[in-house]
PDB file of N, CA and C in Angstrom:
ATOM      1  N   MET A   1     -72.136 -74.689 -16.390  1.00  0.00           N
ATOM      2  CA  MET A   1     -71.374 -75.651 -15.621  1.00  0.00           C
ATOM      3  C   MET A   1     -70.441 -76.435 -16.534  1.00  0.00           C
ATOM      4  N   SER A   2     -69.889 -75.792 -17.530  1.00  0.00           N
ATOM      5  CA  SER A   2     -68.938 -76.455 -18.413  1.00  0.00           C
ATOM      6  C   SER A   2     -67.520 -76.103 -17.966  1.00  0.00           C
ATOM      7  N   ARG A   3     -66.584 -76.941 -18.371  1.00  0.00           N
ATOM      8  CA  ARG A   3     -65.190 -76.722 -18.005  1.00  0.00           C
ATOM      9  C   ARG A   3     -64.309 -77.083 -19.190  1.00  0.00           C
ATOM     10  N   THR A   4     -63.104 -76.572 -19.202  1.00  0.00           N
ATOM     11  CA  THR A   4     -62.171 -76.836 -20.276  1.00  0.00           C
ATOM     12  C   THR A   4     -61.274 -78.010 -19.880  1.00  0.00           C
ATOM     13  N   ILE A   5     -61.180 -78.996 -20.775  1.00  0.00           N
ATOM     14  CA  ILE A   5     -60.319 -80.151 -20.536  1.00  0.00           C
ATOM     15  C   ILE A   5     -59.446 -80.387 -21.767  1.00  0.00           C
ATOM     16  N   ASN A   6     -58.413 -81.168 -21.603  1.00  0.00           N
ATOM     17  CA  ASN A   6     -57.509 -81.520 -22.691  1.00  0.00           C
ATOM     18  C   ASN A   6     -57.837 -82.933 -23.151  1.00  0.00           C
ATOM     19  N   ILE A   7     -58.114 -83.099 -24.462  1.00  0.00           N
ATOM     20  CA  ILE A   7     -58.416 -84.423 -25.016  1.00  0.00           C
ATOM     21  C   ILE A   7     -57.550 -84.680 -26.235  1.00  0.00           C
ATOM     22  N   GLN A   8     -57.473 -85.930 -26.625  1.00  0.00           N
ATOM     23  CA  GLN A   8     -56.841 -86.298 -27.887  1.00  0.00           C
ATOM     24  C   GLN A   8     -57.979 -86.618 -28.858  1.00  0.00           C
ATOM     25  N   CYS A   9     -58.039 -85.880 -29.967  1.00  0.00           N
ATOM     26  CA  CYS A   9     -59.111 -86.029 -30.940  1.00  0.00           C
ATOM     27  C   CYS A   9     -59.079 -87.435 -31.535  1.00  0.00           C
ATOM     28  N   ALA A  10     -60.227 -88.081 -31.589  1.00  0.00           N
ATOM     29  CA  ALA A  10     -60.324 -89.430 -32.134  1.00  0.00           C
ATOM     30  C   ALA A  10     -60.195 -89.438 -33.655  1.00  0.00           C
ATOM     31  N   GLU A  11     -60.417 -88.304 -34.301  1.00  0.00           N
ATOM     32  CA  GLU A  11     -60.353 -88.230 -35.760  1.00  0.00           C
ATOM     33  C   GLU A  11     -58.950 -87.883 -36.251  1.00  0.00           C
ATOM     34  N   CYS A  12     -58.399 -86.762 -35.775  1.00  0.00           N
ATOM     35  CA  CYS A  12     -57.106 -86.293 -36.293  1.00  0.00           C
ATOM     36  C   CYS A  12     -55.938 -86.632 -35.369  1.00  0.00           C
ATOM     37  N   GLY A  13     -56.207 -86.996 -34.118  1.00  0.00           N
ATOM     38  CA  GLY A  13     -55.162 -87.411 -33.193  1.00  0.00           C
ATOM     39  C   GLY A  13     -54.448 -86.275 -32.472  1.00  0.00           C
ATOM     40  N   LYS A  14     -54.840 -85.026 -32.696  1.00  0.00           N
ATOM     41  CA  LYS A  14     -54.202 -83.886 -32.036  1.00  0.00           C
ATOM     42  C   LYS A  14     -54.713 -83.751 -30.611  1.00  0.00           C
ATOM     43  N   GLU A  15     -53.856 -83.248 -29.740  1.00  0.00           N
ATOM     44  CA  GLU A  15     -54.276 -82.943 -28.375  1.00  0.00           C
ATOM     45  C   GLU A  15     -54.737 -81.499 -28.351  1.00  0.00           C
ATOM     46  N   VAL A  16     -55.963 -81.280 -27.898  1.00  0.00           N
ATOM     47  CA  VAL A  16     -56.550 -79.942 -27.882  1.00  0.00           C
ATOM     48  C   VAL A  16     -57.329 -79.719 -26.592  1.00  0.00           C
ATOM     49  N   ASP A  17     -57.532 -78.452 -26.254  1.00  0.00           N
ATOM     50  CA  ASP A  17     -58.389 -78.085 -25.136  1.00  0.00           C
ATOM     51  C   ASP A  17     -59.779 -77.824 -25.680  1.00  0.00           C
ATOM     52  N   VAL A  18     -60.780 -78.462 -25.087  1.00  0.00           N
ATOM     53  CA  VAL A  18     -62.165 -78.288 -25.510  1.00  0.00           C
ATOM     54  C   VAL A  18     -63.025 -78.006 -24.289  1.00  0.00           C
ATOM     55  N   VAL A  19     -64.182 -77.411 -24.531  1.00  0.00           N
ATOM     56  CA  VAL A  19     -65.141 -77.158 -23.463  1.00  0.00           C
ATOM     57  C   VAL A  19     -65.963 -78.421 -23.276  1.00  0.00           C
ATOM     58  N   GLN A  20     -65.909 -78.965 -22.077  1.00  0.00           N
ATOM     59  CA  GLN A  20     -66.628 -80.203 -21.750  1.00  0.00           C
ATOM     60  C   GLN A  20     -67.899 -79.859 -21.004  1.00  0.00           C
ATOM     61  N   ARG A  21     -69.009 -80.308 -21.523  1.00  0.00           N
ATOM     62  CA  ARG A  21     -70.285 -80.110 -20.846  1.00  0.00           C
ATOM     63  C   ARG A  21     -70.628 -81.398 -20.081  1.00  0.00           C
ATOM     64  N   PRO A  22     -71.407 -81.306 -19.037  1.00  0.00           N
ATOM     65  CA  PRO A  22     -71.663 -82.485 -18.197  1.00  0.00           C
ATOM     66  C   PRO A  22     -72.398 -83.617 -18.908  1.00  0.00           C
ATOM     67  N   LYS A  23     -73.209 -83.318 -19.917  1.00  0.00           N
ATOM     68  CA  LYS A  23     -74.052 -84.343 -20.510  1.00  0.00           C
ATOM     69  C   LYS A  23     -73.297 -85.293 -21.447  1.00  0.00           C
ATOM     70  N   PHE A  24     -72.414 -84.763 -22.290  1.00  0.00           N
ATOM     71  CA  PHE A  24     -71.711 -85.589 -23.274  1.00  0.00           C
ATOM     72  C   PHE A  24     -70.208 -85.391 -23.174  1.00  0.00           C
ATOM     73  N   LYS A  25     -69.464 -86.480 -23.280  1.00  0.00           N
ATOM     74  CA  LYS A  25     -68.011 -86.389 -23.301  1.00  0.00           C
ATOM     75  C   LYS A  25     -67.555 -86.121 -24.723  1.00  0.00           C
ATOM     76  N   ARG A  26     -66.640 -85.188 -24.895  1.00  0.00           N
ATOM     77  CA  ARG A  26     -66.148 -84.827 -26.214  1.00  0.00           C
ATOM     78  C   ARG A  26     -65.098 -85.838 -26.673  1.00  0.00           C
ATOM     79  N   LYS A  27     -65.177 -86.244 -27.952  1.00  0.00           N
ATOM     80  CA  LYS A  27     -64.198 -87.144 -28.543  1.00  0.00           C
ATOM     81  C   LYS A  27     -63.405 -86.453 -29.641  1.00  0.00           C
ATOM     82  N   TYR A  28     -63.943 -85.335 -30.170  1.00  0.00           N
ATOM     83  CA  TYR A  28     -63.348 -84.683 -31.321  1.00  0.00           C
ATOM     84  C   TYR A  28     -63.027 -83.228 -31.035  1.00  0.00           C
ATOM     85  N   CYS A  29     -61.995 -82.714 -31.717  1.00  0.00           N
ATOM     86  CA  CYS A  29     -61.690 -81.294 -31.623  1.00  0.00           C
ATOM     87  C   CYS A  29     -62.784 -80.508 -32.348  1.00  0.00           C
ATOM     88  N   ASP A  30     -62.793 -79.204 -32.186  1.00  0.00           N
ATOM     89  CA  ASP A  30     -63.846 -78.385 -32.782  1.00  0.00           C
ATOM     90  C   ASP A  30     -63.872 -78.512 -34.302  1.00  0.00           C
ATOM     91  N   LYS A  31     -62.706 -78.543 -34.934  1.00  0.00           N
ATOM     92  CA  LYS A  31     -62.623 -78.637 -36.397  1.00  0.00           C
ATOM     93  C   LYS A  31     -63.213 -79.959 -36.902  1.00  0.00           C
ATOM     94  N   CYS A  32     -62.829 -81.068 -36.292  1.00  0.00           N
ATOM     95  CA  CYS A  32     -63.343 -82.382 -36.701  1.00  0.00           C
ATOM     96  C   CYS A  32     -64.816 -82.534 -36.343  1.00  0.00           C
ATOM     97  N   SER A  33     -65.227 -81.938 -35.236  1.00  0.00           N
ATOM     98  CA  SER A  33     -66.625 -81.997 -34.825  1.00  0.00           C
ATOM     99  C   SER A  33     -67.518 -81.311 -35.852  1.00  0.00           C
ATOM    100  N   ILE A  34     -67.096 -80.159 -36.334  1.00  0.00           N
ATOM    101  CA  ILE A  34     -67.869 -79.440 -37.350  1.00  0.00           C
ATOM    102  C   ILE A  34     -67.939 -80.257 -38.634  1.00  0.00           C
ATOM    103  N   LYS A  35     -66.804 -80.867 -39.020  1.00  0.00           N
ATOM    104  CA  LYS A  35     -66.770 -81.689 -40.229  1.00  0.00           C
ATOM    105  C   LYS A  35     -67.717 -82.878 -40.106  1.00  0.00           C
ATOM    106  N   LYS A  36     -67.706 -83.553 -38.954  1.00  0.00           N
ATOM    107  CA  LYS A  36     -68.575 -84.712 -38.752  1.00  0.00           C
ATOM    108  C   LYS A  36     -70.049 -84.309 -38.721  1.00  0.00           C
ATOM    109  N   LYS A  37     -70.363 -83.156 -38.142  1.00  0.00           N
ATOM    110  CA  LYS A  37     -71.750 -82.680 -38.118  1.00  0.00           C
ATOM    111  C   LYS A  37     -72.248 -82.407 -39.527  1.00  0.00           C
ATOM    112  N   GLU A  38     -71.399 -81.826 -40.383  1.00  0.00           N
ATOM    113  CA  GLU A  38     -71.782 -81.565 -41.771  1.00  0.00           C
ATOM    114  C   GLU A  38     -72.009 -82.879 -42.527  1.00  0.00           C
ATOM    115  N   GLU A  39     -71.127 -83.867 -42.310  1.00  0.00           N
ATOM    116  CA  GLU A  39     -71.290 -85.164 -42.958  1.00  0.00           C
ATOM    117  C   GLU A  39     -72.594 -85.829 -42.497  1.00  0.00           C
ATOM    118  N   TRP A  40     -72.900 -85.731 -41.209  1.00  0.00           N
ATOM    119  CA  TRP A  40     -74.120 -86.329 -40.682  1.00  0.00           C
ATOM    120  C   TRP A  40     -75.340 -85.618 -41.256  1.00  0.00           C
ATOM    121  N   LYS A  41     -75.273 -84.302 -41.344  1.00  0.00           N
ATOM    122  CA  LYS A  41     -76.380 -83.525 -41.897  1.00  0.00           C
ATOM    123  C   LYS A  41     -76.631 -83.927 -43.346  1.00  0.00           C
ATOM    124  N   ASP A  42     -75.559 -84.088 -44.124  1.00  0.00           N
ATOM    125  CA  ASP A  42     -75.678 -84.503 -45.517  1.00  0.00           C
ATOM    126  C   ASP A  42     -76.277 -85.900 -45.607  1.00  0.00           C
ATOM    127  N   TYR A  43     -75.851 -86.803 -44.728  1.00  0.00           N
ATOM    128  CA  TYR A  43     -76.397 -88.157 -44.700  1.00  0.00           C
ATOM    129  C   TYR A  43     -77.890 -88.128 -44.369  1.00  0.00           C
ATOM    130  N   GLN A  44     -78.264 -87.350 -43.358  1.00  0.00           N
ATOM    131  CA  GLN A  44     -79.663 -87.277 -42.947  1.00  0.00           C
ATOM    132  C   GLN A  44     -80.551 -86.778 -44.088  1.00  0.00           C
ATOM    133  N   GLU A  45     -80.058 -85.806 -44.856  1.00  0.00           N
ATOM    134  CA  GLU A  45     -80.839 -85.241 -45.948  1.00  0.00           C
ATOM    135  C   GLU A  45     -80.976 -86.209 -47.116  1.00  0.00           C
ATOM    136  N   ASN A  46     -79.988 -87.073 -47.300  1.00  0.00           N
ATOM    137  CA  ASN A  46     -79.963 -87.921 -48.482  1.00  0.00           C
ATOM    138  C   ASN A  46     -80.179 -89.408 -48.214  1.00  0.00           C
ATOM    139  N   ARG A  47     -80.437 -89.801 -46.979  1.00  0.00           N
ATOM    140  CA  ARG A  47     -80.531 -91.231 -46.691  1.00  0.00           C
ATOM    141  C   ARG A  47     -81.750 -91.873 -47.338  1.00  0.00           C
ATOM    142  N   TRP A  48     -82.784 -91.127 -47.613  1.00  0.00           N
ATOM    143  CA  TRP A  48     -83.970 -91.697 -48.261  1.00  0.00           C
ATOM    144  C   TRP A  48     -83.661 -92.134 -49.682  1.00  0.00           C
ATOM    145  N   LYS A  49     -82.550 -91.643 -50.259  1.00  0.00           N
ATOM    146  CA  LYS A  49     -82.161 -92.011 -51.617  1.00  0.00           C
ATOM    147  C   LYS A  49     -81.405 -93.338 -51.663  1.00  0.00           C
ATOM    148  N   LEU A  50     -80.943 -93.835 -50.512  1.00  0.00           N
ATOM    149  CA  LEU A  50     -80.167 -95.064 -50.478  1.00  0.00           C
ATOM    150  C   LEU A  50     -81.034 -96.273 -50.806  1.00  0.00           C
ATOM    151  N   THR A  51     -80.444 -97.216 -51.516  1.00  0.00           N
ATOM    152  CA  THR A  51     -81.120 -98.473 -51.817  1.00  0.00           C
ATOM    153  C   THR A  51     -80.293 -99.618 -51.256  1.00  0.00           C
ATOM    154  N   LEU A  52     -80.821-100.805 -51.297  1.00  0.00           N
ATOM    155  CA  LEU A  52     -80.054-101.958 -50.820  1.00  0.00           C
ATOM    156  C   LEU A  52     -78.815-102.179 -51.676  1.00  0.00           C
ATOM    157  N   ASP A  53     -78.879-101.852 -52.957  1.00  0.00           N
ATOM    158  CA  ASP A  53     -77.713-102.012 -53.823  1.00  0.00           C
ATOM    159  C   ASP A  53     -76.576-101.108 -53.379  1.00  0.00           C
ATOM    160  N   ASP A  54     -76.890 -99.918 -52.888  1.00  0.00           N
ATOM    161  CA  ASP A  54     -75.859 -98.987 -52.405  1.00  0.00           C
ATOM    162  C   ASP A  54     -75.187 -99.511 -51.150  1.00  0.00           C
ATOM    163  N   MET A  55     -75.882-100.311 -50.371  1.00  0.00           N
ATOM    164  CA  MET A  55     -75.357-100.775 -49.095  1.00  0.00           C
ATOM    165  C   MET A  55     -74.609-102.091 -49.188  1.00  0.00           C
ATOM    166  N   GLU A  56     -74.658-102.777 -50.322  1.00  0.00           N
ATOM    167  CA  GLU A  56     -73.952-104.053 -50.459  1.00  0.00           C
ATOM    168  C   GLU A  56     -72.462-103.816 -50.545  1.00  0.00           C
ATOM    169  N   GLU A  57     -71.710-104.721 -49.947  1.00  0.00           N
ATOM    170  CA  GLU A  57     -70.255-104.617 -49.984  1.00  0.00           C
ATOM    171  C   GLU A  57     -69.739-105.169 -51.307  1.00  0.00           C
ATOM    172  N   ASP A  58     -68.758-104.486 -51.862  1.00  0.00           N
ATOM    173  CA  ASP A  58     -68.124-104.979 -53.094  1.00  0.00           C
ATOM    174  C   ASP A  58     -67.170-106.107 -52.734  1.00  0.00           C
ATOM    175  N   GLU A  59     -67.232-107.187 -53.509  1.00  0.00           N
ATOM    176  CA  GLU A  59     -66.353-108.319 -53.218  1.00  0.00           C
ATOM    177  C   GLU A  59     -65.156-108.314 -54.130  1.00  0.00           C
TER     178      GLU A  59
END
């Protein structure tokens, strides 16, 4: 029950046709979506290494 719609990617700003599934609305094109999934996967694998010092903002 998916359909193809035209969206403007929130990451790169290009207008693309993507397959929209009923459960989640797409915000990113396929290329940016894959990139964000890889970044999230890397974060998930390495987040246990983060310390409070890593999270402090530089002034």
